Amino acid sequence: MPFPEFDPVLIHLGPLPIRWYALAYVAGIVLGWWYASRLAKTERLWAPGKPPVTGPQLDDLVLWITLGVILGGRFGYALF
């Protein structure tokens, strides 16, 4: 079975190509953020009724995770 031929670039926005894997990263981060916020808001999941994280704390966590994914990917690409 031959390797399927498809363009790795989804669209070009001027000189900036948007690739399919970038869309997957964005979708994964946004869906994970949404799911984590839904879990944090579900009070019956937490023993005393108070979730272990607030909305702003979760937002900060997602920001740092996103930076870690981007920087870790760049470091991994440069080192290996």
PDB file of N, CA and C in Angstrom:
ATOM      1  N   MET A   1       0.849  -1.172   0.000  1.00  0.00           N
ATOM      2  CA  MET A   1       0.000   0.000   0.000  1.00  0.00           C
ATOM      3  C   MET A   1       0.896   1.237   0.000  1.00  0.00           C
ATOM      4  N   PRO A   2       0.765   2.087  -0.979  1.00  0.00           N
ATOM      5  CA  PRO A   2       1.611   3.280  -1.032  1.00  0.00           C
ATOM      6  C   PRO A   2       1.190   4.312   0.010  1.00  0.00           C
ATOM      7  N   PHE A   3       2.150   5.120   0.381  1.00  0.00           N
ATOM      8  CA  PHE A   3       1.891   6.191   1.339  1.00  0.00           C
ATOM      9  C   PHE A   3       0.943   7.203   0.704  1.00  0.00           C
ATOM     10  N   PRO A   4      -0.114   7.591   1.400  1.00  0.00           N
ATOM     11  CA  PRO A   4      -1.058   8.546   0.798  1.00  0.00           C
ATOM     12  C   PRO A   4      -0.408   9.917   0.620  1.00  0.00           C
ATOM     13  N   GLU A   5      -0.691  10.510  -0.497  1.00  0.00           N
ATOM     14  CA  GLU A   5      -0.143  11.832  -0.778  1.00  0.00           C
ATOM     15  C   GLU A   5      -1.179  12.892  -0.430  1.00  0.00           C
ATOM     16  N   PHE A   6      -0.837  13.730   0.514  1.00  0.00           N
ATOM     17  CA  PHE A   6      -1.686  14.864   0.837  1.00  0.00           C
ATOM     18  C   PHE A   6      -0.786  16.017   1.252  1.00  0.00           C
ATOM     19  N   ASP A   7      -1.297  17.194   1.094  1.00  0.00           N
ATOM     20  CA  ASP A   7      -0.537  18.392   1.424  1.00  0.00           C
ATOM     21  C   ASP A   7      -0.565  18.600   2.936  1.00  0.00           C
ATOM     22  N   PRO A   8       0.604  18.692   3.590  1.00  0.00           N
ATOM     23  CA  PRO A   8       0.607  18.907   5.038  1.00  0.00           C
ATOM     24  C   PRO A   8       0.145  20.302   5.441  1.00  0.00           C
ATOM     25  N   VAL A   9       0.022  21.202   4.475  1.00  0.00           N
ATOM     26  CA  VAL A   9      -0.418  22.568   4.762  1.00  0.00           C
ATOM     27  C   VAL A   9      -1.923  22.647   4.552  1.00  0.00           C
ATOM     28  N   LEU A  10      -2.618  23.062   5.586  1.00  0.00           N
ATOM     29  CA  LEU A  10      -4.070  23.209   5.505  1.00  0.00           C
ATOM     30  C   LEU A  10      -4.429  24.423   4.655  1.00  0.00           C
ATOM     31  N   ILE A  11      -3.933  25.596   5.056  1.00  0.00           N
ATOM     32  CA  ILE A  11      -4.158  26.833   4.305  1.00  0.00           C
ATOM     33  C   ILE A  11      -2.928  27.721   4.442  1.00  0.00           C
ATOM     34  N   HIS A  12      -2.804  28.646   3.535  1.00  0.00           N
ATOM     35  CA  HIS A  12      -1.753  29.660   3.602  1.00  0.00           C
ATOM     36  C   HIS A  12      -2.405  30.989   3.964  1.00  0.00           C
ATOM     37  N   LEU A  13      -1.933  31.592   5.024  1.00  0.00           N
ATOM     38  CA  LEU A  13      -2.381  32.932   5.396  1.00  0.00           C
ATOM     39  C   LEU A  13      -1.228  33.883   5.095  1.00  0.00           C
ATOM     40  N   GLY A  14      -1.194  34.335   3.869  1.00  0.00           N
ATOM     41  CA  GLY A  14      -0.065  35.148   3.432  1.00  0.00           C
ATOM     42  C   GLY A  14       1.184  34.284   3.409  1.00  0.00           C
ATOM     43  N   PRO A  15       2.251  34.728   4.066  1.00  0.00           N
ATOM     44  CA  PRO A  15       3.470  33.910   4.089  1.00  0.00           C
ATOM     45  C   PRO A  15       3.457  32.831   5.178  1.00  0.00           C
ATOM     46  N   LEU A  16       2.387  32.754   5.947  1.00  0.00           N
ATOM     47  CA  LEU A  16       2.314  31.828   7.072  1.00  0.00           C
ATOM     48  C   LEU A  16       1.481  30.594   6.715  1.00  0.00           C
ATOM     49  N   PRO A  17       2.121  29.427   6.589  1.00  0.00           N
ATOM     50  CA  PRO A  17       1.337  28.218   6.324  1.00  0.00           C
ATOM     51  C   PRO A  17       0.782  27.631   7.628  1.00  0.00           C
ATOM     52  N   ILE A  18      -0.476  27.264   7.620  1.00  0.00           N
ATOM     53  CA  ILE A  18      -1.107  26.596   8.759  1.00  0.00           C
ATOM     54  C   ILE A  18      -1.165  25.107   8.422  1.00  0.00           C
ATOM     55  N   ARG A  19      -0.475  24.303   9.223  1.00  0.00           N
ATOM     56  CA  ARG A  19      -0.387  22.869   8.938  1.00  0.00           C
ATOM     57  C   ARG A  19      -1.448  22.094   9.709  1.00  0.00           C
ATOM     58  N   TRP A  20      -1.713  20.888   9.225  1.00  0.00           N
ATOM     59  CA  TRP A  20      -2.729  20.039   9.839  1.00  0.00           C
ATOM     60  C   TRP A  20      -2.392  19.707  11.286  1.00  0.00           C
ATOM     61  N   TYR A  21      -1.114  19.432  11.573  1.00  0.00           N
ATOM     62  CA  TYR A  21      -0.774  19.047  12.940  1.00  0.00           C
ATOM     63  C   TYR A  21      -0.941  20.219  13.904  1.00  0.00           C
ATOM     64  N   ALA A  22      -0.811  21.442  13.420  1.00  0.00           N
ATOM     65  CA  ALA A  22      -1.068  22.604  14.274  1.00  0.00           C
ATOM     66  C   ALA A  22      -2.539  22.650  14.664  1.00  0.00           C
ATOM     67  N   LEU A  23      -3.389  22.316  13.711  1.00  0.00           N
ATOM     68  CA  LEU A  23      -4.820  22.262  14.006  1.00  0.00           C
ATOM     69  C   LEU A  23      -5.116  21.187  15.053  1.00  0.00           C
ATOM     70  N   ALA A  24      -4.401  20.068  14.989  1.00  0.00           N
ATOM     71  CA  ALA A  24      -4.586  19.003  15.976  1.00  0.00           C
ATOM     72  C   ALA A  24      -4.133  19.460  17.361  1.00  0.00           C
ATOM     73  N   TYR A  25      -3.024  20.182  17.439  1.00  0.00           N
ATOM     74  CA  TYR A  25      -2.570  20.717  18.723  1.00  0.00           C
ATOM     75  C   TYR A  25      -3.605  21.674  19.308  1.00  0.00           C
ATOM     76  N   VAL A  26      -4.089  22.590  18.496  1.00  0.00           N
ATOM     77  CA  VAL A  26      -5.067  23.572  18.970  1.00  0.00           C
ATOM     78  C   VAL A  26      -6.346  22.874  19.424  1.00  0.00           C
ATOM     79  N   ALA A  27      -6.816  21.924  18.638  1.00  0.00           N
ATOM     80  CA  ALA A  27      -8.039  21.204  19.006  1.00  0.00           C
ATOM     81  C   ALA A  27      -7.841  20.422  20.302  1.00  0.00           C
ATOM     82  N   GLY A  28      -6.698  19.779  20.465  1.00  0.00           N
ATOM     83  CA  GLY A  28      -6.433  19.022  21.687  1.00  0.00           C
ATOM     84  C   GLY A  28      -6.368  19.905  22.916  1.00  0.00           C
ATOM     85  N   ILE A  29      -5.726  21.045  22.793  1.00  0.00           N
ATOM     86  CA  ILE A  29      -5.613  21.960  23.931  1.00  0.00           C
ATOM     87  C   ILE A  29      -6.977  22.534  24.292  1.00  0.00           C
ATOM     88  N   VAL A  30      -7.733  22.960  23.293  1.00  0.00           N
ATOM     89  CA  VAL A  30      -9.049  23.554  23.560  1.00  0.00           C
ATOM     90  C   VAL A  30     -10.015  22.516  24.129  1.00  0.00           C
ATOM     91  N   LEU A  31     -10.034  21.321  23.560  1.00  0.00           N
ATOM     92  CA  LEU A  31     -10.928  20.284  24.082  1.00  0.00           C
ATOM     93  C   LEU A  31     -10.527  19.847  25.489  1.00  0.00           C
ATOM     94  N   GLY A  32      -9.229  19.743  25.741  1.00  0.00           N
ATOM     95  CA  GLY A  32      -8.768  19.406  27.086  1.00  0.00           C
ATOM     96  C   GLY A  32      -9.132  20.473  28.099  1.00  0.00           C
ATOM     97  N   TRP A  33      -9.005  21.722  27.697  1.00  0.00           N
ATOM     98  CA  TRP A  33      -9.369  22.848  28.561  1.00  0.00           C
ATOM     99  C   TRP A  33     -10.861  22.815  28.877  1.00  0.00           C
ATOM    100  N   TRP A  34     -11.672  22.588  27.849  1.00  0.00           N
ATOM    101  CA  TRP A  34     -13.118  22.526  28.039  1.00  0.00           C
ATOM    102  C   TRP A  34     -13.495  21.363  28.963  1.00  0.00           C
ATOM    103  N   TYR A  35     -12.897  20.198  28.730  1.00  0.00           N
ATOM    104  CA  TYR A  35     -13.221  19.022  29.536  1.00  0.00           C
ATOM    105  C   TYR A  35     -12.798  19.215  30.996  1.00  0.00           C
ATOM    106  N   ALA A  36     -11.617  19.768  31.206  1.00  0.00           N
ATOM    107  CA  ALA A  36     -11.146  20.007  32.574  1.00  0.00           C
ATOM    108  C   ALA A  36     -12.036  21.019  33.289  1.00  0.00           C
ATOM    109  N   SER A  37     -12.481  22.039  32.585  1.00  0.00           N
ATOM    110  CA  SER A  37     -13.358  23.023  33.229  1.00  0.00           C
ATOM    111  C   SER A  37     -14.719  22.411  33.556  1.00  0.00           C
ATOM    112  N   ARG A  38     -15.211  21.533  32.696  1.00  0.00           N
ATOM    113  CA  ARG A  38     -16.476  20.847  32.993  1.00  0.00           C
ATOM    114  C   ARG A  38     -16.328  19.940  34.216  1.00  0.00           C
ATOM    115  N   LEU A  39     -15.207  19.240  34.303  1.00  0.00           N
ATOM    116  CA  LEU A  39     -14.978  18.385  35.466  1.00  0.00           C
ATOM    117  C   LEU A  39     -14.863  19.208  36.744  1.00  0.00           C
ATOM    118  N   ALA A  40     -14.199  20.334  36.666  1.00  0.00           N
ATOM    119  CA  ALA A  40     -14.029  21.174  37.855  1.00  0.00           C
ATOM    120  C   ALA A  40     -15.359  21.756  38.323  1.00  0.00           C
ATOM    121  N   LYS A  41     -16.279  21.975  37.401  1.00  0.00           N
ATOM    122  CA  LYS A  41     -17.578  22.552  37.768  1.00  0.00           C
ATOM    123  C   LYS A  41     -18.571  21.507  38.277  1.00  0.00           C
ATOM    124  N   THR A  42     -18.285  20.233  38.085  1.00  0.00           N
ATOM    125  CA  THR A  42     -19.185  19.174  38.540  1.00  0.00           C
ATOM    126  C   THR A  42     -18.925  18.906  40.020  1.00  0.00           C
ATOM    127  N   GLU A  43     -19.794  19.412  40.869  1.00  0.00           N
ATOM    128  CA  GLU A  43     -19.571  19.368  42.316  1.00  0.00           C
ATOM    129  C   GLU A  43     -19.657  17.960  42.899  1.00  0.00           C
ATOM    130  N   ARG A  44     -20.417  17.084  42.304  1.00  0.00           N
ATOM    131  CA  ARG A  44     -20.576  15.750  42.875  1.00  0.00           C
ATOM    132  C   ARG A  44     -19.312  14.900  42.746  1.00  0.00           C
ATOM    133  N   LEU A  45     -18.352  15.348  41.967  1.00  0.00           N
ATOM    134  CA  LEU A  45     -17.096  14.612  41.825  1.00  0.00           C
ATOM    135  C   LEU A  45     -16.134  14.849  42.981  1.00  0.00           C
ATOM    136  N   TRP A  46     -16.347  15.904  43.728  1.00  0.00           N
ATOM    137  CA  TRP A  46     -15.388  16.301  44.758  1.00  0.00           C
ATOM    138  C   TRP A  46     -15.975  16.035  46.132  1.00  0.00           C
ATOM    139  N   ALA A  47     -15.172  15.440  47.002  1.00  0.00           N
ATOM    140  CA  ALA A  47     -15.639  14.954  48.305  1.00  0.00           C
ATOM    141  C   ALA A  47     -16.325  16.029  49.149  1.00  0.00           C
ATOM    142  N   PRO A  48     -15.651  17.084  49.559  1.00  0.00           N
ATOM    143  CA  PRO A  48     -16.361  18.075  50.377  1.00  0.00           C
ATOM    144  C   PRO A  48     -17.237  19.016  49.554  1.00  0.00           C
ATOM    145  N   GLY A  49     -17.315  18.808  48.264  1.00  0.00           N
ATOM    146  CA  GLY A  49     -18.141  19.658  47.423  1.00  0.00           C
ATOM    147  C   GLY A  49     -17.404  20.819  46.803  1.00  0.00           C
ATOM    148  N   LYS A  50     -16.130  20.959  47.113  1.00  0.00           N
ATOM    149  CA  LYS A  50     -15.348  22.062  46.559  1.00  0.00           C
ATOM    150  C   LYS A  50     -14.295  21.496  45.609  1.00  0.00           C
ATOM    151  N   PRO A  51     -14.295  21.945  44.360  1.00  0.00           N
ATOM    152  CA  PRO A  51     -13.295  21.429  43.419  1.00  0.00           C
ATOM    153  C   PRO A  51     -11.883  21.864  43.809  1.00  0.00           C
ATOM    154  N   PRO A  52     -10.881  21.084  43.440  1.00  0.00           N
ATOM    155  CA  PRO A  52      -9.508  21.405  43.826  1.00  0.00           C
ATOM    156  C   PRO A  52      -8.894  22.549  43.029  1.00  0.00           C
ATOM    157  N   VAL A  53      -9.593  23.036  42.026  1.00  0.00           N
ATOM    158  CA  VAL A  53      -9.040  24.095  41.187  1.00  0.00           C
ATOM    159  C   VAL A  53     -10.153  25.084  40.836  1.00  0.00           C
ATOM    160  N   THR A  54      -9.784  26.351  40.768  1.00  0.00           N
ATOM    161  CA  THR A  54     -10.739  27.382  40.360  1.00  0.00           C
ATOM    162  C   THR A  54     -10.575  27.654  38.865  1.00  0.00           C
ATOM    163  N   GLY A  55     -11.486  28.415  38.319  1.00  0.00           N
ATOM    164  CA  GLY A  55     -11.422  28.754  36.897  1.00  0.00           C
ATOM    165  C   GLY A  55     -10.137  29.468  36.501  1.00  0.00           C
ATOM    166  N   PRO A  56      -9.756  30.528  37.215  1.00  0.00           N
ATOM    167  CA  PRO A  56      -8.504  31.209  36.862  1.00  0.00           C
ATOM    168  C   PRO A  56      -7.257  30.325  37.033  1.00  0.00           C
ATOM    169  N   GLN A  57      -7.272  29.446  38.022  1.00  0.00           N
ATOM    170  CA  GLN A  57      -6.141  28.529  38.190  1.00  0.00           C
ATOM    171  C   GLN A  57      -6.049  27.564  37.010  1.00  0.00           C
ATOM    172  N   LEU A  58      -7.190  27.094  36.556  1.00  0.00           N
ATOM    173  CA  LEU A  58      -7.211  26.195  35.403  1.00  0.00           C
ATOM    174  C   LEU A  58      -6.738  26.925  34.144  1.00  0.00           C
ATOM    175  N   ASP A  59      -7.141  28.172  33.989  1.00  0.00           N
ATOM    176  CA  ASP A  59      -6.685  28.962  32.845  1.00  0.00           C
ATOM    177  C   ASP A  59      -5.165  29.114  32.857  1.00  0.00           C
ATOM    178  N   ASP A  60      -4.611  29.398  34.029  1.00  0.00           N
ATOM    179  CA  ASP A  60      -3.155  29.515  34.145  1.00  0.00           C
ATOM    180  C   ASP A  60      -2.463  28.193  33.840  1.00  0.00           C
ATOM    181  N   LEU A  61      -3.041  27.102  34.307  1.00  0.00           N
ATOM    182  CA  LEU A  61      -2.465  25.783  34.040  1.00  0.00           C
ATOM    183  C   LEU A  61      -2.434  25.492  32.541  1.00  0.00           C
ATOM    184  N   VAL A  62      -3.516  25.797  31.853  1.00  0.00           N
ATOM    185  CA  VAL A  62      -3.567  25.558  30.407  1.00  0.00           C
ATOM    186  C   VAL A  62      -2.543  26.430  29.683  1.00  0.00           C
ATOM    187  N   LEU A  63      -2.372  27.654  30.130  1.00  0.00           N
ATOM    188  CA  LEU A  63      -1.362  28.525  29.530  1.00  0.00           C
ATOM    189  C   LEU A  63       0.033  27.922  29.669  1.00  0.00           C
ATOM    190  N   TRP A  64       0.386  27.470  30.863  1.00  0.00           N
ATOM    191  CA  TRP A  64       1.713  26.908  31.092  1.00  0.00           C
ATOM    192  C   TRP A  64       1.893  25.573  30.376  1.00  0.00           C
ATOM    193  N   ILE A  65       0.851  24.781  30.305  1.00  0.00           N
ATOM    194  CA  ILE A  65       0.934  23.523  29.557  1.00  0.00           C
ATOM    195  C   ILE A  65       1.165  23.809  28.076  1.00  0.00           C
ATOM    196  N   THR A  66       0.466  24.803  27.544  1.00  0.00           N
ATOM    197  CA  THR A  66       0.636  25.165  26.138  1.00  0.00           C
ATOM    198  C   THR A  66       2.056  25.647  25.866  1.00  0.00           C
ATOM    199  N   LEU A  67       2.577  26.486  26.733  1.00  0.00           N
ATOM    200  CA  LEU A  67       3.962  26.936  26.566  1.00  0.00           C
ATOM    201  C   LEU A  67       4.937  25.765  26.659  1.00  0.00           C
ATOM    202  N   GLY A  68       4.680  24.843  27.569  1.00  0.00           N
ATOM    203  CA  GLY A  68       5.538  23.670  27.695  1.00  0.00           C
ATOM    204  C   GLY A  68       5.508  22.792  26.459  1.00  0.00           C
ATOM    205  N   VAL A  69       4.343  22.640  25.868  1.00  0.00           N
ATOM    206  CA  VAL A  69       4.230  21.839  24.643  1.00  0.00           C
ATOM    207  C   VAL A  69       5.002  22.498  23.505  1.00  0.00           C
ATOM    208  N   ILE A  70       4.838  23.794  23.355  1.00  0.00           N
ATOM    209  CA  ILE A  70       5.519  24.501  22.263  1.00  0.00           C
ATOM    210  C   ILE A  70       7.033  24.499  22.469  1.00  0.00           C
ATOM    211  N   LEU A  71       7.474  24.899  23.650  1.00  0.00           N
ATOM    212  CA  LEU A  71       8.918  24.962  23.903  1.00  0.00           C
ATOM    213  C   LEU A  71       9.550  23.574  23.936  1.00  0.00           C
ATOM    214  N   GLY A  72       8.855  22.608  24.514  1.00  0.00           N
ATOM    215  CA  GLY A  72       9.375  21.244  24.533  1.00  0.00           C
ATOM    216  C   GLY A  72       9.498  20.661  23.137  1.00  0.00           C
ATOM    217  N   GLY A  73       8.530  20.953  22.297  1.00  0.00           N
ATOM    218  CA  GLY A  73       8.605  20.499  20.913  1.00  0.00           C
ATOM    219  C   GLY A  73       9.769  21.126  20.168  1.00  0.00           C
ATOM    220  N   ARG A  74       9.990  22.399  20.400  1.00  0.00           N
ATOM    221  CA  ARG A  74      11.116  23.085  19.742  1.00  0.00           C
ATOM    222  C   ARG A  74      12.453  22.548  20.245  1.00  0.00           C
ATOM    223  N   PHE A  75      12.576  22.373  21.557  1.00  0.00           N
ATOM    224  CA  PHE A  75      13.824  21.829  22.112  1.00  0.00           C
ATOM    225  C   PHE A  75      14.068  20.412  21.610  1.00  0.00           C
ATOM    226  N   GLY A  76      13.030  19.607  21.596  1.00  0.00           N
ATOM    227  CA  GLY A  76      13.174  18.242  21.096  1.00  0.00           C
ATOM    228  C   GLY A  76      13.576  18.206  19.633  1.00  0.00           C
ATOM    229  N   TYR A  77      13.011  19.095  18.846  1.00  0.00           N
ATOM    230  CA  TYR A  77      13.364  19.159  17.429  1.00  0.00           C
ATOM    231  C   TYR A  77      14.818  19.588  17.255  1.00  0.00           C
ATOM    232  N   ALA A  78      15.254  20.556  18.058  1.00  0.00           N
ATOM    233  CA  ALA A  78      16.623  21.065  17.934  1.00  0.00           C
ATOM    234  C   ALA A  78      17.656  20.061  18.458  1.00  0.00           C
ATOM    235  N   LEU A  79      17.317  19.332  19.512  1.00  0.00           N
ATOM    236  CA  LEU A  79      18.285  18.423  20.117  1.00  0.00           C
ATOM    237  C   LEU A  79      18.353  17.060  19.438  1.00  0.00           C
ATOM    238  N   PHE A  80      17.243  16.588  18.945  1.00  0.00           N
ATOM    239  CA  PHE A  80      17.223  15.232  18.398  1.00  0.00           C
ATOM    240  C   PHE A  80      16.940  15.263  16.926  1.00  0.00           C
TER     241      PHE A  80
END
